Amino acid sequence: MTSPYSFQEPVRRFFRKRRLKGFLERFAKCRTIVDIGGDHNLWTLIGRKAGVIVLNLWAPPERNGIPYVLSDGCQLPFRDQSIDLAFSNSAIEHVGSFESQTRFAAEMLRVGREVYCQTPCRLFPIDPHLSAFFLHWLPRTFLTPTVLRYFTFNGWLLGRPYEYDVSWLPKRKLRQIFPGCTIKTERFLGLPKSFIITR
C-alpha cells in the first residue's frame, strides 16, 4: 500500500530543510546518532551519513548506505548514555498511548547524551498527516477510515481508507515527559507548527 506521505514529499522537504538549517553545525561533535522511527531519506537531505543509525520497525531495500536496526522505539537496544545524539523527527506522535509516548521519551533521554525530538503541533490548521484543513481538530471518533477516504487529499489520491494513528502531544505534556529539556515552538506565518525538544 502506498504511503500517503509520498504525495506530500515536496512540502515535507521544504519544512524539513527549513527546520534543520544549522543542524550539522550544532551537532557536528556528535559522532554517533540514532534516528528513532525515521528513515535514511532525511539524512540524505541533511547531508550526513557518518555515524548515523536508523532504528525502526521496518527497513527498506534501498538504504543509501545507512544501517538500520529493527527494534521498538519504546525499548531501545542501547546502553545508558551510549549514543551522542538520540534523534527523532515526527515519530513520537505515532507510538500510541501517552504511556507509550512516555516510554519513548524516557528511552531517548536514557540512551542519548544529547536529544533532539520534533513533533507537530495540533494548533496548526493543516494536519501534516492528512493534508487537510481543520479535520484534525474534530473529535478522534470522527476520524474513521471512511471519513479519511472521502474528506482528505490523501484519501482521494489513494482511493482507499487508511488508519489515523496520531496521538498529539501539547507542550504541557512534552514538558512532563522530557524533564529538564528545552522546548522550542517552530512557527510558520506566525502560527505554531511543531515543537522541537532538545537537551
C-alpha atoms as a PDB file:
ATOM      1  CA  MET A   1       0.000   0.000   0.000  1.00  0.00           C
ATOM      2  CA  THR A   2       1.333   3.430  -0.988  1.00  0.00           C
ATOM      3  CA  SER A   3       2.042   5.700   1.937  1.00  0.00           C
ATOM      4  CA  PRO A   4       0.041   8.948   1.981  1.00  0.00           C
ATOM      5  CA  TYR A   5       3.258  10.708   2.943  1.00  0.00           C
ATOM      6  CA  SER A   6       4.726  10.109  -0.522  1.00  0.00           C
ATOM      7  CA  PHE A   7       2.303  12.638  -2.001  1.00  0.00           C
ATOM      8  CA  GLN A   8       3.486  15.296   0.450  1.00  0.00           C
ATOM      9  CA  GLU A   9       7.210  14.883  -0.168  1.00  0.00           C
ATOM     10  CA  PRO A  10       7.920  18.316  -1.769  1.00  0.00           C
ATOM     11  CA  VAL A  11       6.188  20.153   1.097  1.00  0.00           C
ATOM     12  CA  ARG A  12       7.783  17.905   3.704  1.00  0.00           C
ATOM     13  CA  ARG A  13      11.244  18.559   2.209  1.00  0.00           C
ATOM     14  CA  PHE A  14      10.648  22.321   2.343  1.00  0.00           C
ATOM     15  CA  PHE A  15       9.742  22.327   6.027  1.00  0.00           C
ATOM     16  CA  ARG A  16      12.446  19.824   6.963  1.00  0.00           C
ATOM     17  CA  LYS A  17      15.167  21.874   5.263  1.00  0.00           C
ATOM     18  CA  ARG A  18      13.869  24.996   6.991  1.00  0.00           C
ATOM     19  CA  ARG A  19      13.684  23.285  10.391  1.00  0.00           C
ATOM     20  CA  LEU A  20      17.073  21.589  10.174  1.00  0.00           C
ATOM     21  CA  LYS A  21      19.045  24.572   8.936  1.00  0.00           C
ATOM     22  CA  GLY A  22      22.213  24.697  11.023  1.00  0.00           C
ATOM     23  CA  PHE A  23      21.705  21.145  12.308  1.00  0.00           C
ATOM     24  CA  LEU A  24      25.083  19.877  11.052  1.00  0.00           C
ATOM     25  CA  GLU A  25      26.952  22.715  12.710  1.00  0.00           C
ATOM     26  CA  ARG A  26      25.123  22.386  16.014  1.00  0.00           C
ATOM     27  CA  PHE A  27      25.636  18.634  16.316  1.00  0.00           C
ATOM     28  CA  ALA A  28      28.985  18.385  14.481  1.00  0.00           C
ATOM     29  CA  LYS A  29      30.691  16.908  17.560  1.00  0.00           C
ATOM     30  CA  CYS A  30      28.186  14.034  17.769  1.00  0.00           C
ATOM     31  CA  ARG A  31      29.989  11.009  16.342  1.00  0.00           C
ATOM     32  CA  THR A  32      27.064   8.623  16.845  1.00  0.00           C
ATOM     33  CA  ILE A  33      23.422   9.407  16.056  1.00  0.00           C
ATOM     34  CA  VAL A  34      20.433   7.090  16.306  1.00  0.00           C
ATOM     35  CA  ASP A  35      17.357   8.211  14.383  1.00  0.00           C
ATOM     36  CA  ILE A  36      14.412   6.646  16.216  1.00  0.00           C
ATOM     37  CA  GLY A  37      11.428   5.960  13.985  1.00  0.00           C
ATOM     38  CA  GLY A  38      12.973   7.660  10.964  1.00  0.00           C
ATOM     39  CA  ASP A  39      14.414   6.688   7.611  1.00  0.00           C
ATOM     40  CA  HIS A  40      17.533   7.314   5.553  1.00  0.00           C
ATOM     41  CA  ASN A  41      15.920   9.957   3.282  1.00  0.00           C
ATOM     42  CA  LEU A  42      16.106  12.598   5.993  1.00  0.00           C
ATOM     43  CA  TRP A  43      19.865  12.082   6.350  1.00  0.00           C
ATOM     44  CA  THR A  44      20.321  12.419   2.602  1.00  0.00           C
ATOM     45  CA  LEU A  45      18.537  15.777   2.925  1.00  0.00           C
ATOM     46  CA  ILE A  46      20.644  16.819   5.932  1.00  0.00           C
ATOM     47  CA  GLY A  47      23.837  15.717   4.189  1.00  0.00           C
ATOM     48  CA  ARG A  48      25.262  13.322   6.755  1.00  0.00           C
ATOM     49  CA  LYS A  49      25.682   9.547   6.820  1.00  0.00           C
ATOM     50  CA  ALA A  50      28.728   9.030   9.041  1.00  0.00           C
ATOM     51  CA  GLY A  51      27.818   7.568  12.428  1.00  0.00           C
ATOM     52  CA  VAL A  52      24.064   7.556  11.720  1.00  0.00           C
ATOM     53  CA  ILE A  53      21.916   4.509  12.531  1.00  0.00           C
ATOM     54  CA  VAL A  54      18.195   4.416  11.772  1.00  0.00           C
ATOM     55  CA  LEU A  55      16.057   2.459  14.226  1.00  0.00           C
ATOM     56  CA  ASN A  56      12.622   1.432  13.020  1.00  0.00           C
ATOM     57  CA  LEU A  57      10.211  -1.497  12.880  1.00  0.00           C
ATOM     58  CA  TRP A  58      10.947  -1.907   9.164  1.00  0.00           C
ATOM     59  CA  ALA A  59      13.812  -1.318   6.734  1.00  0.00           C
ATOM     60  CA  PRO A  60      13.538  -0.550   3.015  1.00  0.00           C
ATOM     61  CA  PRO A  61      15.576  -2.497   0.441  1.00  0.00           C
ATOM     62  CA  GLU A  62      17.453   0.668  -0.590  1.00  0.00           C
ATOM     63  CA  ARG A  63      19.051   2.432   2.396  1.00  0.00           C
ATOM     64  CA  ASN A  64      21.637   4.723   0.773  1.00  0.00           C
ATOM     65  CA  GLY A  65      24.406   3.152   2.823  1.00  0.00           C
ATOM     66  CA  ILE A  66      22.824   3.957   6.190  1.00  0.00           C
ATOM     67  CA  PRO A  67      22.469   0.986   8.562  1.00  0.00           C
ATOM     68  CA  TYR A  68      19.117   0.093  10.075  1.00  0.00           C
ATOM     69  CA  VAL A  69      18.345  -1.584  13.386  1.00  0.00           C
ATOM     70  CA  LEU A  70      14.962  -3.280  13.612  1.00  0.00           C
ATOM     71  CA  SER A  71      13.598  -2.501  17.062  1.00  0.00           C
ATOM     72  CA  ASP A  72      10.928  -0.674  19.052  1.00  0.00           C
ATOM     73  CA  GLY A  73      11.493   2.980  19.960  1.00  0.00           C
ATOM     74  CA  CYS A  74       9.940   2.336  23.369  1.00  0.00           C
ATOM     75  CA  GLN A  75      12.649  -0.217  24.219  1.00  0.00           C
ATOM     76  CA  LEU A  76      15.941   0.817  22.656  1.00  0.00           C
ATOM     77  CA  PRO A  77      18.711  -1.807  22.401  1.00  0.00           C
ATOM     78  CA  PHE A  78      21.455   0.572  23.559  1.00  0.00           C
ATOM     79  CA  ARG A  79      23.215   1.139  26.875  1.00  0.00           C
ATOM     80  CA  ASP A  80      22.617   4.219  29.013  1.00  0.00           C
ATOM     81  CA  GLN A  81      24.206   7.368  27.545  1.00  0.00           C
ATOM     82  CA  SER A  82      25.910   5.293  24.839  1.00  0.00           C
ATOM     83  CA  ILE A  83      24.774   7.458  21.887  1.00  0.00           C
ATOM     84  CA  ASP A  84      25.950  11.015  21.308  1.00  0.00           C
ATOM     85  CA  LEU A  85      22.585  12.126  19.895  1.00  0.00           C
ATOM     86  CA  ALA A  86      19.188  10.445  20.237  1.00  0.00           C
ATOM     87  CA  PHE A  87      17.201  11.941  17.351  1.00  0.00           C
ATOM     88  CA  SER A  88      13.545  11.655  16.338  1.00  0.00           C
ATOM     89  CA  ASN A  89      11.530  13.596  13.770  1.00  0.00           C
ATOM     90  CA  SER A  90       7.741  13.266  13.637  1.00  0.00           C
ATOM     91  CA  ALA A  91       7.646   9.820  15.248  1.00  0.00           C
ATOM     92  CA  ILE A  92       6.576  10.137  18.891  1.00  0.00           C
ATOM     93  CA  GLU A  93       3.006  11.058  17.900  1.00  0.00           C
ATOM     94  CA  HIS A  94       2.677   7.658  16.166  1.00  0.00           C
ATOM     95  CA  VAL A  95       3.622   5.304  19.022  1.00  0.00           C
ATOM     96  CA  GLY A  96       0.147   5.092  20.577  1.00  0.00           C
ATOM     97  CA  SER A  97      -0.965   5.946  24.089  1.00  0.00           C
ATOM     98  CA  PHE A  98       0.519   8.615  26.345  1.00  0.00           C
ATOM     99  CA  GLU A  99       2.074   5.780  28.342  1.00  0.00           C
ATOM    100  CA  SER A 100       3.899   4.589  25.212  1.00  0.00           C
ATOM    101  CA  GLN A 101       4.945   8.148  24.387  1.00  0.00           C
ATOM    102  CA  THR A 102       6.323   8.498  27.918  1.00  0.00           C
ATOM    103  CA  ARG A 103       8.404   5.343  27.444  1.00  0.00           C
ATOM    104  CA  PHE A 104       9.616   6.590  24.045  1.00  0.00           C
ATOM    105  CA  ALA A 105      10.771   9.887  25.585  1.00  0.00           C
ATOM    106  CA  ALA A 106      12.385   8.135  28.565  1.00  0.00           C
ATOM    107  CA  GLU A 107      14.349   5.876  26.221  1.00  0.00           C
ATOM    108  CA  MET A 108      15.620   8.865  24.239  1.00  0.00           C
ATOM    109  CA  LEU A 109      16.755  10.533  27.451  1.00  0.00           C
ATOM    110  CA  ARG A 110      18.329   7.303  28.692  1.00  0.00           C
ATOM    111  CA  VAL A 111      20.493   6.452  25.671  1.00  0.00           C
ATOM    112  CA  GLY A 112      21.316   9.921  24.319  1.00  0.00           C
ATOM    113  CA  ARG A 113      23.884  12.292  25.745  1.00  0.00           C
ATOM    114  CA  GLU A 114      22.076  14.883  23.645  1.00  0.00           C
ATOM    115  CA  VAL A 115      18.459  14.730  22.471  1.00  0.00           C
ATOM    116  CA  TYR A 116      16.558  16.177  19.518  1.00  0.00           C
ATOM    117  CA  CYS A 117      12.871  15.308  19.194  1.00  0.00           C
ATOM    118  CA  GLN A 118      10.393  17.042  16.892  1.00  0.00           C
ATOM    119  CA  THR A 119       6.621  16.546  16.856  1.00  0.00           C
ATOM    120  CA  PRO A 120       3.892  18.509  15.018  1.00  0.00           C
ATOM    121  CA  CYS A 121       1.609  20.933  16.856  1.00  0.00           C
ATOM    122  CA  ARG A 122      -2.139  20.275  16.687  1.00  0.00           C
ATOM    123  CA  LEU A 123      -2.849  24.039  16.742  1.00  0.00           C
ATOM    124  CA  PHE A 124      -1.561  24.416  13.181  1.00  0.00           C
ATOM    125  CA  PRO A 125      -4.600  24.437  10.847  1.00  0.00           C
ATOM    126  CA  ILE A 126      -3.209  21.846   8.427  1.00  0.00           C
ATOM    127  CA  ASP A 127      -2.559  18.319   9.675  1.00  0.00           C
ATOM    128  CA  PRO A 128       0.694  17.148   8.002  1.00  0.00           C
ATOM    129  CA  HIS A 129      -0.529  13.553   8.218  1.00  0.00           C
ATOM    130  CA  LEU A 130      -3.850  14.176   6.460  1.00  0.00           C
ATOM    131  CA  SER A 131      -3.090  17.090   4.112  1.00  0.00           C
ATOM    132  CA  ALA A 132      -6.409  18.549   5.231  1.00  0.00           C
ATOM    133  CA  PHE A 133      -7.504  21.798   6.858  1.00  0.00           C
ATOM    134  CA  PHE A 134      -9.043  21.662  10.351  1.00  0.00           C
ATOM    135  CA  LEU A 135     -10.117  17.991  10.189  1.00  0.00           C
ATOM    136  CA  HIS A 136      -7.705  17.030  12.996  1.00  0.00           C
ATOM    137  CA  TRP A 137      -9.482  19.498  15.302  1.00  0.00           C
ATOM    138  CA  LEU A 138     -12.580  17.301  15.273  1.00  0.00           C
ATOM    139  CA  PRO A 139     -13.095  14.547  17.885  1.00  0.00           C
ATOM    140  CA  ARG A 140     -10.924  11.490  17.259  1.00  0.00           C
ATOM    141  CA  THR A 141     -14.021   9.279  16.955  1.00  0.00           C
ATOM    142  CA  PHE A 142     -14.937  11.208  13.809  1.00  0.00           C
ATOM    143  CA  LEU A 143     -11.684  10.308  12.025  1.00  0.00           C
ATOM    144  CA  THR A 144     -12.754   6.897  10.807  1.00  0.00           C
ATOM    145  CA  PRO A 145     -11.134   5.260   7.743  1.00  0.00           C
ATOM    146  CA  THR A 146     -14.242   6.058   5.675  1.00  0.00           C
ATOM    147  CA  VAL A 147     -14.172   9.759   6.601  1.00  0.00           C
ATOM    148  CA  LEU A 148     -10.439   9.903   5.875  1.00  0.00           C
ATOM    149  CA  ARG A 149     -11.082   8.293   2.495  1.00  0.00           C
ATOM    150  CA  TYR A 150     -13.522  10.975   1.314  1.00  0.00           C
ATOM    151  CA  PHE A 151     -12.538  14.138   3.170  1.00  0.00           C
ATOM    152  CA  THR A 152      -8.743  14.283   2.866  1.00  0.00           C
ATOM    153  CA  PHE A 153      -6.398  14.946  -0.028  1.00  0.00           C
ATOM    154  CA  ASN A 154      -4.520  11.741   0.759  1.00  0.00           C
ATOM    155  CA  GLY A 155      -7.736   9.735   0.760  1.00  0.00           C
ATOM    156  CA  TRP A 156      -8.713  10.934  -2.701  1.00  0.00           C
ATOM    157  CA  LEU A 157      -5.245  10.213  -4.070  1.00  0.00           C
ATOM    158  CA  LEU A 158      -5.067   6.753  -2.538  1.00  0.00           C
ATOM    159  CA  GLY A 159      -8.644   5.888  -3.392  1.00  0.00           C
ATOM    160  CA  ARG A 160      -8.975   3.808  -0.241  1.00  0.00           C
ATOM    161  CA  PRO A 161      -9.313   4.306   3.521  1.00  0.00           C
ATOM    162  CA  TYR A 162      -6.375   4.337   5.887  1.00  0.00           C
ATOM    163  CA  GLU A 163      -5.954   4.397   9.642  1.00  0.00           C
ATOM    164  CA  TYR A 164      -5.235   7.596  11.572  1.00  0.00           C
ATOM    165  CA  ASP A 165      -2.687   6.709  14.235  1.00  0.00           C
ATOM    166  CA  VAL A 166      -1.741  10.170  15.529  1.00  0.00           C
ATOM    167  CA  SER A 167      -1.811  10.995  19.265  1.00  0.00           C
ATOM    168  CA  TRP A 168      -1.000  14.701  19.571  1.00  0.00           C
ATOM    169  CA  LEU A 169       1.216  15.984  22.357  1.00  0.00           C
ATOM    170  CA  PRO A 170       0.653  19.520  23.685  1.00  0.00           C
ATOM    171  CA  LYS A 171       3.575  21.418  25.147  1.00  0.00           C
ATOM    172  CA  ARG A 172       2.485  20.799  28.754  1.00  0.00           C
ATOM    173  CA  LYS A 173       2.700  17.021  28.215  1.00  0.00           C
ATOM    174  CA  LEU A 174       6.035  17.355  26.438  1.00  0.00           C
ATOM    175  CA  ARG A 175       7.394  19.202  29.484  1.00  0.00           C
ATOM    176  CA  GLN A 176       6.162  16.322  31.620  1.00  0.00           C
ATOM    177  CA  ILE A 177       7.851  13.542  29.639  1.00  0.00           C
ATOM    178  CA  PHE A 178      11.020  15.480  28.713  1.00  0.00           C
ATOM    179  CA  PRO A 179      12.009  16.963  32.094  1.00  0.00           C
ATOM    180  CA  GLY A 180      14.952  19.331  32.031  1.00  0.00           C
ATOM    181  CA  CYS A 181      14.776  19.803  28.251  1.00  0.00           C
ATOM    182  CA  THR A 182      14.315  22.940  26.176  1.00  0.00           C
ATOM    183  CA  ILE A 183      11.127  23.072  24.084  1.00  0.00           C
ATOM    184  CA  LYS A 184      11.104  25.449  21.126  1.00  0.00           C
ATOM    185  CA  THR A 185       7.956  26.250  19.143  1.00  0.00           C
ATOM    186  CA  GLU A 186       8.586  26.227  15.400  1.00  0.00           C
ATOM    187  CA  ARG A 187       6.300  28.737  13.656  1.00  0.00           C
ATOM    188  CA  PHE A 188       5.132  29.289  10.099  1.00  0.00           C
ATOM    189  CA  LEU A 189       3.346  32.523   9.171  1.00  0.00           C
ATOM    190  CA  GLY A 190       3.199  33.246  12.889  1.00  0.00           C
ATOM    191  CA  LEU A 191       1.323  30.044  13.685  1.00  0.00           C
ATOM    192  CA  PRO A 192       2.773  27.242  15.855  1.00  0.00           C
ATOM    193  CA  LYS A 193       3.658  24.376  13.522  1.00  0.00           C
ATOM    194  CA  SER A 194       5.705  21.991  15.635  1.00  0.00           C
ATOM    195  CA  PHE A 195       7.630  21.543  18.868  1.00  0.00           C
ATOM    196  CA  ILE A 196      11.360  20.827  18.978  1.00  0.00           C
ATOM    197  CA  ILE A 197      12.726  19.316  22.180  1.00  0.00           C
ATOM    198  CA  THR A 198      16.465  19.434  22.835  1.00  0.00           C
ATOM    199  CA  ARG A 199      18.852  18.614  25.636  1.00  0.00           C
END
